[in-house]
Amino acid sequence: MWIECVFRGSNIPEEEKSERLKAQEGHLQLVHEERSVYNSMVDDARTVCRDNGVTELKPSTAMSQQMTMHYSFDYAQQVHLPSNPQQPGPIYFLVPRKCGLFGVCCEGIPRQVNFLIDEAHLISKGANAVVSYLDYFFQNFGLGETDVHLHCDNCSGQNKNRIVLWYFAWRVAVGLHRSVTINFLIAGHTKFAPDWCFGLVKQAFRRHAVSSLQEMASVVNGSAAANTAQLVGDSDGTTFVPVGDWQSHLNQFFKPLPGIKKYHHFR
């Protein structure tokens, strides 16, 4: 946004140009500080994993490890099945089947669990789905840490909303974590670990013929040691990761925090 203001400022007074440049410098300084916070949390998580001998994600009892861990989560652009890199002409199917991707990355190892969301189970990409996938991740792949730091982007429909904040407040209230911090990256500067893992998945996807969810899961697992596939549901309707109505459940116990979009860090 600030770059566009500077770019379109060729025919404006010098004073206004100066103000725009100062605003751009302030924006870049803020981006640098936020990136430093992110890198510092990642380095601390790697040190914790190395000191505690953590090398894999596996089910752990909540609050069983006196340590602080860092996770990042994000959606990737959906893929379409079937897919064949050697397709000689137009695809036979009129409408390909959609498969969504949601990743939660443990930065300390690093390992990422990639939730493969068949269109039959793609209810929405809203907060209820995000919270349901995160809850399943902590139950089945969490390291049992007492304190957790999280990073994600600023998308208000998915991450930066009251339901996600309520969910982590709920986790602390019921004793699943001692403390949680949620950190939102600056808009336009949101490249982080999940994008790296998604990139490895997309590279492998472009090299393989994929005709089913099971084959897509094999591609994800074979794309890199850092990637693990988790099916949200099968094409026959079987559900492995249920999506609950967290908004209605949490709405009974919490109230909205006004001005959420103005803040980038919550504890």
C-alpha atoms as a PDB file:
ATOM      1  CA  MET A   1       0.000   0.000   0.000  1.00  0.00           C
ATOM      2  CA  TRP A   2       2.736   2.441   0.965  1.00  0.00           C
ATOM      3  CA  ILE A   3       4.785   1.567  -2.114  1.00  0.00           C
ATOM      4  CA  GLU A   4       1.784   2.436  -4.287  1.00  0.00           C
ATOM      5  CA  CYS A   5       1.431   5.794  -2.493  1.00  0.00           C
ATOM      6  CA  VAL A   6       5.065   6.620  -3.284  1.00  0.00           C
ATOM      7  CA  PHE A   7       4.763   5.331  -6.859  1.00  0.00           C
ATOM      8  CA  ARG A   8       1.727   7.535  -7.564  1.00  0.00           C
ATOM      9  CA  GLY A   9       3.275  10.614  -6.012  1.00  0.00           C
ATOM     10  CA  SER A  10       5.050  12.114  -9.024  1.00  0.00           C
ATOM     11  CA  ASN A  11       2.836  15.210  -9.338  1.00  0.00           C
ATOM     12  CA  ILE A  12       2.234  16.102  -5.697  1.00  0.00           C
ATOM     13  CA  PRO A  13       3.890  18.752  -3.493  1.00  0.00           C
ATOM     14  CA  GLU A  14       7.304  17.982  -2.072  1.00  0.00           C
ATOM     15  CA  GLU A  15       6.004  18.116   1.499  1.00  0.00           C
ATOM     16  CA  GLU A  16       3.485  15.373   0.787  1.00  0.00           C
ATOM     17  CA  LYS A  17       6.148  13.324  -0.989  1.00  0.00           C
ATOM     18  CA  SER A  18       8.331  13.607   2.098  1.00  0.00           C
ATOM     19  CA  GLU A  19       5.479  12.474   4.354  1.00  0.00           C
ATOM     20  CA  ARG A  20       4.805   9.467   2.134  1.00  0.00           C
ATOM     21  CA  LEU A  21       8.463   8.464   2.150  1.00  0.00           C
ATOM     22  CA  LYS A  22       8.578   8.725   5.944  1.00  0.00           C
ATOM     23  CA  ALA A  23       5.470   6.563   6.176  1.00  0.00           C
ATOM     24  CA  GLN A  24       7.061   3.984   3.856  1.00  0.00           C
ATOM     25  CA  GLU A  25      10.246   3.946   5.952  1.00  0.00           C
ATOM     26  CA  GLY A  26       8.162   3.457   9.095  1.00  0.00           C
ATOM     27  CA  HIS A  27       6.276   0.600   7.459  1.00  0.00           C
ATOM     28  CA  LEU A  28       9.502  -1.141   6.397  1.00  0.00           C
ATOM     29  CA  GLN A  29      10.938  -0.693   9.888  1.00  0.00           C
ATOM     30  CA  LEU A  30       7.827  -2.295  11.373  1.00  0.00           C
ATOM     31  CA  VAL A  31       8.101  -5.195   8.905  1.00  0.00           C
ATOM     32  CA  HIS A  32      11.752  -5.681   9.905  1.00  0.00           C
ATOM     33  CA  GLU A  33      10.853  -5.730  13.610  1.00  0.00           C
ATOM     34  CA  GLU A  34       8.010  -8.209  13.087  1.00  0.00           C
ATOM     35  CA  ARG A  35      10.248 -10.495  11.023  1.00  0.00           C
ATOM     36  CA  SER A  36      12.885 -10.339  13.779  1.00  0.00           C
ATOM     37  CA  VAL A  37      10.283 -11.448  16.334  1.00  0.00           C
ATOM     38  CA  TYR A  38       9.261 -14.344  14.099  1.00  0.00           C
ATOM     39  CA  ASN A  39      12.877 -15.454  13.479  1.00  0.00           C
ATOM     40  CA  SER A  40      13.668 -15.206  17.190  1.00  0.00           C
ATOM     41  CA  MET A  41      10.708 -17.450  18.094  1.00  0.00           C
ATOM     42  CA  VAL A  42      11.752 -19.990  15.437  1.00  0.00           C
ATOM     43  CA  ASP A  43      15.344 -20.062  16.740  1.00  0.00           C
ATOM     44  CA  ASP A  44      14.129 -20.532  20.318  1.00  0.00           C
ATOM     45  CA  ALA A  45      11.839 -23.388  19.244  1.00  0.00           C
ATOM     46  CA  ARG A  46      14.699 -25.148  17.444  1.00  0.00           C
ATOM     47  CA  THR A  47      16.868 -24.839  20.540  1.00  0.00           C
ATOM     48  CA  VAL A  48      14.085 -26.295  22.724  1.00  0.00           C
ATOM     49  CA  CYS A  49      13.588 -29.251  20.364  1.00  0.00           C
ATOM     50  CA  ARG A  50      17.310 -29.924  20.197  1.00  0.00           C
ATOM     51  CA  ASP A  51      17.725 -29.756  23.986  1.00  0.00           C
ATOM     52  CA  ASN A  52      14.718 -32.042  24.588  1.00  0.00           C
ATOM     53  CA  GLY A  53      15.513 -34.512  21.800  1.00  0.00           C
ATOM     54  CA  VAL A  54      12.274 -33.785  19.925  1.00  0.00           C
ATOM     55  CA  THR A  55      12.484 -35.013  16.329  1.00  0.00           C
ATOM     56  CA  GLU A  56       8.940 -36.057  15.389  1.00  0.00           C
ATOM     57  CA  LEU A  57       5.335 -35.011  15.900  1.00  0.00           C
ATOM     58  CA  LYS A  58       3.281 -37.510  17.911  1.00  0.00           C
ATOM     59  CA  PRO A  59       0.296 -37.502  20.299  1.00  0.00           C
ATOM     60  CA  SER A  60       1.261 -36.088  23.684  1.00  0.00           C
ATOM     61  CA  THR A  61      -0.636 -35.341  26.860  1.00  0.00           C
ATOM     62  CA  ALA A  62      -1.448 -31.657  27.220  1.00  0.00           C
ATOM     63  CA  MET A  63       0.925 -29.727  29.502  1.00  0.00           C
ATOM     64  CA  SER A  64       3.201 -32.757  29.857  1.00  0.00           C
ATOM     65  CA  GLN A  65       6.382 -30.929  28.772  1.00  0.00           C
ATOM     66  CA  GLN A  66       7.672 -27.823  30.534  1.00  0.00           C
ATOM     67  CA  MET A  67       8.662 -25.987  27.372  1.00  0.00           C
ATOM     68  CA  THR A  68       7.576 -23.344  24.885  1.00  0.00           C
ATOM     69  CA  MET A  69       6.916 -24.328  21.263  1.00  0.00           C
ATOM     70  CA  HIS A  70       6.254 -22.318  18.123  1.00  0.00           C
ATOM     71  CA  TYR A  71       3.732 -23.235  15.400  1.00  0.00           C
ATOM     72  CA  SER A  72       2.606 -21.526  12.193  1.00  0.00           C
ATOM     73  CA  PHE A  73      -0.531 -22.238  10.191  1.00  0.00           C
ATOM     74  CA  ASP A  74      -2.014 -21.182   6.869  1.00  0.00           C
ATOM     75  CA  TYR A  75      -4.151 -22.204   3.912  1.00  0.00           C
ATOM     76  CA  ALA A  76      -2.619 -22.942   0.508  1.00  0.00           C
ATOM     77  CA  GLN A  77      -4.223 -22.546  -2.883  1.00  0.00           C
ATOM     78  CA  GLN A  78      -6.385 -25.597  -3.561  1.00  0.00           C
ATOM     79  CA  VAL A  79      -5.396 -28.221  -6.134  1.00  0.00           C
ATOM     80  CA  HIS A  80      -7.595 -30.058  -8.627  1.00  0.00           C
ATOM     81  CA  LEU A  81      -7.869 -33.802  -9.127  1.00  0.00           C
ATOM     82  CA  PRO A  82      -7.232 -35.756 -11.269  1.00  0.00           C
ATOM     83  CA  SER A  83      -3.955 -34.227 -12.386  1.00  0.00           C
ATOM     84  CA  ASN A  84      -1.457 -35.563 -14.902  1.00  0.00           C
ATOM     85  CA  PRO A  85       1.731 -33.662 -15.806  1.00  0.00           C
ATOM     86  CA  GLN A  86       1.761 -35.408 -19.192  1.00  0.00           C
ATOM     87  CA  GLN A  87      -1.855 -34.599 -20.076  1.00  0.00           C
ATOM     88  CA  PRO A  88      -1.768 -34.500 -23.900  1.00  0.00           C
ATOM     89  CA  GLY A  89      -4.819 -32.295 -24.356  1.00  0.00           C
ATOM     90  CA  PRO A  90      -7.782 -30.765 -22.525  1.00  0.00           C
ATOM     91  CA  ILE A  91      -8.735 -32.633 -19.381  1.00  0.00           C
ATOM     92  CA  TYR A  92     -11.546 -35.155 -19.888  1.00  0.00           C
ATOM     93  CA  PHE A  93     -13.508 -34.168 -16.795  1.00  0.00           C
ATOM     94  CA  LEU A  94     -15.727 -31.110 -17.157  1.00  0.00           C
ATOM     95  CA  VAL A  95     -15.264 -30.074 -13.515  1.00  0.00           C
ATOM     96  CA  PRO A  96     -12.179 -31.391 -11.647  1.00  0.00           C
ATOM     97  CA  ARG A  97     -12.508 -32.369  -8.000  1.00  0.00           C
ATOM     98  CA  LYS A  98     -11.191 -29.751  -5.594  1.00  0.00           C
ATOM     99  CA  CYS A  99      -8.790 -30.517  -2.745  1.00  0.00           C
ATOM    100  CA  GLY A 100      -8.034 -27.842  -0.176  1.00  0.00           C
ATOM    101  CA  LEU A 101      -4.768 -27.606   1.774  1.00  0.00           C
ATOM    102  CA  PHE A 102      -4.359 -26.376   5.354  1.00  0.00           C
ATOM    103  CA  GLY A 103      -0.975 -26.686   7.044  1.00  0.00           C
ATOM    104  CA  VAL A 104       0.218 -26.459  10.650  1.00  0.00           C
ATOM    105  CA  CYS A 105       4.001 -26.328  10.951  1.00  0.00           C
ATOM    106  CA  CYS A 106       6.011 -27.079  14.093  1.00  0.00           C
ATOM    107  CA  GLU A 107       8.922 -24.747  13.469  1.00  0.00           C
ATOM    108  CA  GLY A 108      11.271 -26.322  15.977  1.00  0.00           C
ATOM    109  CA  ILE A 109      11.779 -29.611  14.087  1.00  0.00           C
ATOM    110  CA  PRO A 110      10.506 -28.541  11.422  1.00  0.00           C
ATOM    111  CA  ARG A 111       7.529 -30.735  10.506  1.00  0.00           C
ATOM    112  CA  GLN A 112       4.232 -29.746   8.910  1.00  0.00           C
ATOM    113  CA  VAL A 113       0.917 -31.568   9.002  1.00  0.00           C
ATOM    114  CA  ASN A 114      -0.987 -30.888   5.783  1.00  0.00           C
ATOM    115  CA  PHE A 115      -4.756 -31.336   6.067  1.00  0.00           C
ATOM    116  CA  LEU A 116      -6.154 -32.509   2.718  1.00  0.00           C
ATOM    117  CA  ILE A 117      -9.737 -31.260   2.449  1.00  0.00           C
ATOM    118  CA  ASP A 118     -11.872 -32.989  -0.165  1.00  0.00           C
ATOM    119  CA  GLU A 119     -14.639 -30.816  -1.615  1.00  0.00           C
ATOM    120  CA  ALA A 120     -17.226 -33.074   0.047  1.00  0.00           C
ATOM    121  CA  HIS A 121     -15.813 -31.965   3.425  1.00  0.00           C
ATOM    122  CA  LEU A 122     -14.929 -28.384   2.482  1.00  0.00           C
ATOM    123  CA  ILE A 123     -17.713 -26.735   4.475  1.00  0.00           C
ATOM    124  CA  SER A 124     -15.913 -23.371   4.410  1.00  0.00           C
ATOM    125  CA  LYS A 125     -12.493 -21.841   4.941  1.00  0.00           C
ATOM    126  CA  GLY A 126     -13.780 -19.836   7.890  1.00  0.00           C
ATOM    127  CA  ALA A 127     -12.889 -19.736  11.549  1.00  0.00           C
ATOM    128  CA  ASN A 128     -14.811 -22.899  12.542  1.00  0.00           C
ATOM    129  CA  ALA A 129     -12.736 -24.961  10.100  1.00  0.00           C
ATOM    130  CA  VAL A 130      -9.445 -23.350  11.183  1.00  0.00           C
ATOM    131  CA  VAL A 131     -10.162 -23.963  14.866  1.00  0.00           C
ATOM    132  CA  SER A 132     -11.278 -27.556  14.211  1.00  0.00           C
ATOM    133  CA  TYR A 133      -8.051 -28.362  12.327  1.00  0.00           C
ATOM    134  CA  LEU A 134      -5.918 -26.690  14.990  1.00  0.00           C
ATOM    135  CA  ASP A 135      -7.731 -28.576  17.756  1.00  0.00           C
ATOM    136  CA  TYR A 136      -7.196 -31.890  15.938  1.00  0.00           C
ATOM    137  CA  PHE A 137      -3.520 -31.007  15.452  1.00  0.00           C
ATOM    138  CA  PHE A 138      -2.930 -30.317  19.147  1.00  0.00           C
ATOM    139  CA  GLN A 139      -4.727 -33.534  20.124  1.00  0.00           C
ATOM    140  CA  ASN A 140      -2.890 -35.795  17.684  1.00  0.00           C
ATOM    141  CA  PHE A 141       0.406 -34.081  16.812  1.00  0.00           C
ATOM    142  CA  GLY A 142       1.085 -31.564  19.594  1.00  0.00           C
ATOM    143  CA  LEU A 143       4.226 -31.930  21.680  1.00  0.00           C
ATOM    144  CA  GLY A 144       2.487 -31.380  25.026  1.00  0.00           C
ATOM    145  CA  GLU A 145       4.146 -27.997  25.604  1.00  0.00           C
ATOM    146  CA  THR A 146       2.999 -25.736  28.429  1.00  0.00           C
ATOM    147  CA  ASP A 147       3.344 -22.501  26.449  1.00  0.00           C
ATOM    148  CA  VAL A 148       2.860 -21.909  22.745  1.00  0.00           C
ATOM    149  CA  HIS A 149       3.604 -19.145  20.237  1.00  0.00           C
ATOM    150  CA  LEU A 150       1.660 -19.042  16.961  1.00  0.00           C
ATOM    151  CA  HIS A 151       2.118 -17.130  13.717  1.00  0.00           C
ATOM    152  CA  CYS A 152      -0.385 -16.672  10.887  1.00  0.00           C
ATOM    153  CA  ASP A 153      -1.441 -14.087   8.330  1.00  0.00           C
ATOM    154  CA  ASN A 154      -3.952 -11.261   8.728  1.00  0.00           C
ATOM    155  CA  CYS A 155      -6.943 -12.841   6.952  1.00  0.00           C
ATOM    156  CA  SER A 156      -9.871 -11.786   9.140  1.00  0.00           C
ATOM    157  CA  GLY A 157     -12.258 -14.426   7.805  1.00  0.00           C
ATOM    158  CA  GLN A 158      -9.927 -17.281   8.771  1.00  0.00           C
ATOM    159  CA  ASN A 159      -7.442 -16.228  11.449  1.00  0.00           C
ATOM    160  CA  LYS A 160      -7.821 -12.697  12.780  1.00  0.00           C
ATOM    161  CA  ASN A 161     -11.273 -12.966  14.332  1.00  0.00           C
ATOM    162  CA  ARG A 162     -12.962 -13.451  17.676  1.00  0.00           C
ATOM    163  CA  ILE A 163     -13.538 -17.209  17.270  1.00  0.00           C
ATOM    164  CA  VAL A 164      -9.822 -18.006  16.915  1.00  0.00           C
ATOM    165  CA  LEU A 165      -8.960 -15.731  19.860  1.00  0.00           C
ATOM    166  CA  TRP A 166     -11.744 -17.297  21.943  1.00  0.00           C
ATOM    167  CA  TYR A 167     -10.506 -20.786  21.124  1.00  0.00           C
ATOM    168  CA  PHE A 168      -7.009 -20.142  22.464  1.00  0.00           C
ATOM    169  CA  ALA A 169      -8.430 -18.373  25.523  1.00  0.00           C
ATOM    170  CA  TRP A 170     -10.557 -21.497  26.029  1.00  0.00           C
ATOM    171  CA  ARG A 171      -7.482 -23.743  25.788  1.00  0.00           C
ATOM    172  CA  VAL A 172      -5.815 -21.779  28.571  1.00  0.00           C
ATOM    173  CA  ALA A 173      -9.009 -21.690  30.665  1.00  0.00           C
ATOM    174  CA  VAL A 174      -9.472 -25.482  30.606  1.00  0.00           C
ATOM    175  CA  GLY A 175      -5.782 -26.204  31.245  1.00  0.00           C
ATOM    176  CA  LEU A 176      -4.628 -27.401  27.824  1.00  0.00           C
ATOM    177  CA  HIS A 177      -1.963 -24.662  27.715  1.00  0.00           C
ATOM    178  CA  ARG A 178      -0.553 -22.337  30.338  1.00  0.00           C
ATOM    179  CA  SER A 179      -0.212 -19.430  27.921  1.00  0.00           C
ATOM    180  CA  VAL A 180      -0.757 -18.762  24.219  1.00  0.00           C
ATOM    181  CA  THR A 181       0.480 -15.885  22.081  1.00  0.00           C
ATOM    182  CA  ILE A 182      -0.958 -15.291  18.600  1.00  0.00           C
ATOM    183  CA  ASN A 183       1.142 -13.174  16.259  1.00  0.00           C
ATOM    184  CA  PHE A 184      -0.117 -11.830  12.942  1.00  0.00           C
ATOM    185  CA  LEU A 185       2.358 -11.033  10.178  1.00  0.00           C
ATOM    186  CA  ILE A 186       2.199  -7.657   8.422  1.00  0.00           C
ATOM    187  CA  ALA A 187      -0.051  -7.698   5.335  1.00  0.00           C
ATOM    188  CA  GLY A 188       2.036  -8.058   2.184  1.00  0.00           C
ATOM    189  CA  HIS A 189       4.930  -9.630   4.119  1.00  0.00           C
ATOM    190  CA  THR A 190       3.490 -12.995   5.128  1.00  0.00           C
ATOM    191  CA  LYS A 191       5.968 -15.488   3.680  1.00  0.00           C
ATOM    192  CA  PHE A 192       6.838 -18.035   6.368  1.00  0.00           C
ATOM    193  CA  ALA A 193       7.415 -21.748   7.010  1.00  0.00           C
ATOM    194  CA  PRO A 194       4.030 -23.109   5.805  1.00  0.00           C
ATOM    195  CA  ASP A 195       4.659 -21.497   2.395  1.00  0.00           C
ATOM    196  CA  TRP A 196       7.975 -23.369   2.173  1.00  0.00           C
ATOM    197  CA  CYS A 197       6.279 -26.705   2.917  1.00  0.00           C
ATOM    198  CA  PHE A 198       3.422 -25.941   0.525  1.00  0.00           C
ATOM    199  CA  GLY A 199       5.994 -25.153  -2.164  1.00  0.00           C
ATOM    200  CA  LEU A 200       7.548 -28.605  -1.739  1.00  0.00           C
ATOM    201  CA  VAL A 201       4.101 -30.193  -2.013  1.00  0.00           C
ATOM    202  CA  LYS A 202       3.245 -28.252  -5.178  1.00  0.00           C
ATOM    203  CA  GLN A 203       6.583 -29.198  -6.777  1.00  0.00           C
ATOM    204  CA  ALA A 204       5.923 -32.895  -6.137  1.00  0.00           C
ATOM    205  CA  PHE A 205       2.298 -32.521  -7.274  1.00  0.00           C
ATOM    206  CA  ARG A 206       3.404 -31.149 -10.642  1.00  0.00           C
ATOM    207  CA  ARG A 207       5.683 -34.180 -11.181  1.00  0.00           C
ATOM    208  CA  HIS A 208       3.176 -36.938 -10.415  1.00  0.00           C
ATOM    209  CA  ALA A 209      -0.082 -38.182 -11.844  1.00  0.00           C
ATOM    210  CA  VAL A 210      -2.689 -37.903  -9.098  1.00  0.00           C
ATOM    211  CA  SER A 211      -6.202 -39.310  -9.465  1.00  0.00           C
ATOM    212  CA  SER A 212      -7.444 -39.722  -5.875  1.00  0.00           C
ATOM    213  CA  LEU A 213      -7.105 -38.345  -2.355  1.00  0.00           C
ATOM    214  CA  GLN A 214      -5.022 -41.351  -1.309  1.00  0.00           C
ATOM    215  CA  GLU A 215      -2.571 -40.691  -4.148  1.00  0.00           C
ATOM    216  CA  MET A 216      -2.483 -37.006  -3.156  1.00  0.00           C
ATOM    217  CA  ALA A 217      -1.623 -38.049   0.399  1.00  0.00           C
ATOM    218  CA  SER A 218       1.220 -40.210  -0.956  1.00  0.00           C
ATOM    219  CA  VAL A 219       2.524 -37.234  -2.950  1.00  0.00           C
ATOM    220  CA  VAL A 220       2.468 -35.035   0.168  1.00  0.00           C
ATOM    221  CA  ASN A 221       4.255 -37.652   2.291  1.00  0.00           C
ATOM    222  CA  GLY A 222       6.872 -38.177  -0.406  1.00  0.00           C
ATOM    223  CA  SER A 223       7.438 -34.496  -1.177  1.00  0.00           C
ATOM    224  CA  ALA A 224       9.840 -33.943   1.746  1.00  0.00           C
ATOM    225  CA  ALA A 225      10.657 -35.285   5.193  1.00  0.00           C
ATOM    226  CA  ALA A 226       9.041 -32.147   6.634  1.00  0.00           C
ATOM    227  CA  ASN A 227       5.583 -32.917   5.211  1.00  0.00           C
ATOM    228  CA  THR A 228       2.908 -35.241   6.601  1.00  0.00           C
ATOM    229  CA  ALA A 229      -0.548 -35.718   5.087  1.00  0.00           C
ATOM    230  CA  GLN A 230      -3.755 -35.879   7.101  1.00  0.00           C
ATOM    231  CA  LEU A 231      -7.030 -36.585   5.291  1.00  0.00           C
ATOM    232  CA  VAL A 232      -9.954 -34.556   6.631  1.00  0.00           C
ATOM    233  CA  GLY A 233     -12.334 -37.022   5.003  1.00  0.00           C
ATOM    234  CA  ASP A 234     -12.582 -39.621   2.275  1.00  0.00           C
ATOM    235  CA  SER A 235     -14.358 -39.234  -1.053  1.00  0.00           C
ATOM    236  CA  ASP A 236     -17.033 -41.713   0.083  1.00  0.00           C
ATOM    237  CA  GLY A 237     -18.142 -39.323   2.839  1.00  0.00           C
ATOM    238  CA  THR A 238     -16.180 -40.798   5.765  1.00  0.00           C
ATOM    239  CA  THR A 239     -14.957 -38.021   8.087  1.00  0.00           C
ATOM    240  CA  PHE A 240     -11.623 -38.248   9.911  1.00  0.00           C
ATOM    241  CA  VAL A 241     -11.333 -34.655  11.157  1.00  0.00           C
ATOM    242  CA  PRO A 242     -14.770 -33.324  12.179  1.00  0.00           C
ATOM    243  CA  VAL A 243     -15.484 -29.609  11.807  1.00  0.00           C
ATOM    244  CA  GLY A 244     -17.486 -28.366  14.780  1.00  0.00           C
ATOM    245  CA  ASP A 245     -19.541 -25.247  15.383  1.00  0.00           C
ATOM    246  CA  TRP A 246     -16.989 -23.601  17.650  1.00  0.00           C
ATOM    247  CA  GLN A 247     -18.551 -20.171  17.206  1.00  0.00           C
ATOM    248  CA  SER A 248     -21.838 -21.189  18.860  1.00  0.00           C
ATOM    249  CA  HIS A 249     -20.027 -23.113  21.596  1.00  0.00           C
ATOM    250  CA  LEU A 250     -17.572 -20.354  22.538  1.00  0.00           C
ATOM    251  CA  ASN A 251     -20.102 -17.545  22.155  1.00  0.00           C
ATOM    252  CA  GLN A 252     -21.652 -18.656  25.449  1.00  0.00           C
ATOM    253  CA  PHE A 253     -18.528 -17.906  27.471  1.00  0.00           C
ATOM    254  CA  PHE A 254     -16.685 -15.030  25.776  1.00  0.00           C
ATOM    255  CA  LYS A 255     -17.405 -11.559  24.472  1.00  0.00           C
ATOM    256  CA  PRO A 256     -15.921  -9.859  21.366  1.00  0.00           C
ATOM    257  CA  LEU A 257     -12.748  -7.804  21.625  1.00  0.00           C
ATOM    258  CA  PRO A 258     -13.307  -4.501  19.772  1.00  0.00           C
ATOM    259  CA  GLY A 259     -10.736  -3.298  17.247  1.00  0.00           C
ATOM    260  CA  ILE A 260      -9.072  -6.648  16.611  1.00  0.00           C
ATOM    261  CA  LYS A 261      -7.703  -5.525  13.241  1.00  0.00           C
ATOM    262  CA  LYS A 262      -5.633  -2.763  14.864  1.00  0.00           C
ATOM    263  CA  TYR A 263      -3.457  -5.231  16.783  1.00  0.00           C
ATOM    264  CA  HIS A 264      -0.854  -7.756  15.653  1.00  0.00           C
ATOM    265  CA  HIS A 265      -0.047  -9.575  18.921  1.00  0.00           C
ATOM    266  CA  PHE A 266      -2.405 -11.222  21.414  1.00  0.00           C
ATOM    267  CA  ARG A 267      -1.612 -13.155  24.586  1.00  0.00           C
END
